[in-house]
Amino acid sequence: LEVLNFGLEGSGLDQQVLVFEHLGHEFSGEVVLWCPGVEDIRHVSHRYWPEIDRTTGQTLLVPKPYFLLDGGQLHLHHQPVPRQRLPLSPWPLRKRVRRFLARAAGPWKNDVLRRCRYQPFPEYDSPHSSSWQLARALFARLVEGAGHRAVVVAPLPRCEYIEAVSAPTYRERYRQLAYDYAPRLRFVDLLPYFHALSKRQRRQCRFRHDSHYTPLAHRVVAEALMTELRRVGLLQRSIEPATAIA
């Protein structure tokens, strides 16, 4: 099994489609595997994204390519990408208060959020939300560009879903997407593989003060992908987990 990795740190669905079209499309292969973070839907509505300047350490708003959906058609903007950098304005008061309360809650944070029915990404609540409609058009564009190759979409769940703090509303959107574009697109649901872990193990899938995946979470994803790709006939040979993780 040979994997060509075109992942781009800090990118969104829009940038990921452009990476495929400008770089990945030139390479042969049987499967296009797309593993966006569930939170990546936030990127599609932004024209700038915060980045830390390597020289000054200051957080700046960096322009990014973005799409607008007009009459069902995608229109690309910020191409070429402007070089201007903007200073980041202070966080709104509500965000600062929310962050303070989250830290103050300590070990009771998850219980508080669960009782409040906290939803970190309400963009998935409705199939008609502007962010999801734009994301859906981007998925359609990639499926069309993939040609004869199978497209497998395996969104990476956030810790709120892994630890059963919030309802995973994103799953329904992806299930419908796979149904609409079957058989060219397949949705791999990674969440059941995380929920098969114990409560303690699920907490160990993220770092203490960072929501990024730990090696344990990466192993769960790798083994889940191997299982699902075999199940649908896209992976025939038996492959050791270490090989797939690499």
Foldseek 3Di string as FASTA:
>chain_A
DDDDDQDDPPAALVVVLVSCVVPVLVDDDQEAEAAAAPVSLVVQVDQWDWDQDPPPRFIKTFGDWHWDADPNDTDIPCVPPDPDIHHDDDDPPVVVVVVVVCVVCPPCNLVVLLVVQPDPCCCLVDCPRRSNSRSLSSVVVSLVSNPNHAYEYEYDYWLCLLLVSHDPSNVVSVVVSCVVDPPRYHYQYLNVLSVVDDNVVSVVQADPPGRDGDPSVLLSVQVSVVVVCVVVPNDPDDDDSVVSSD
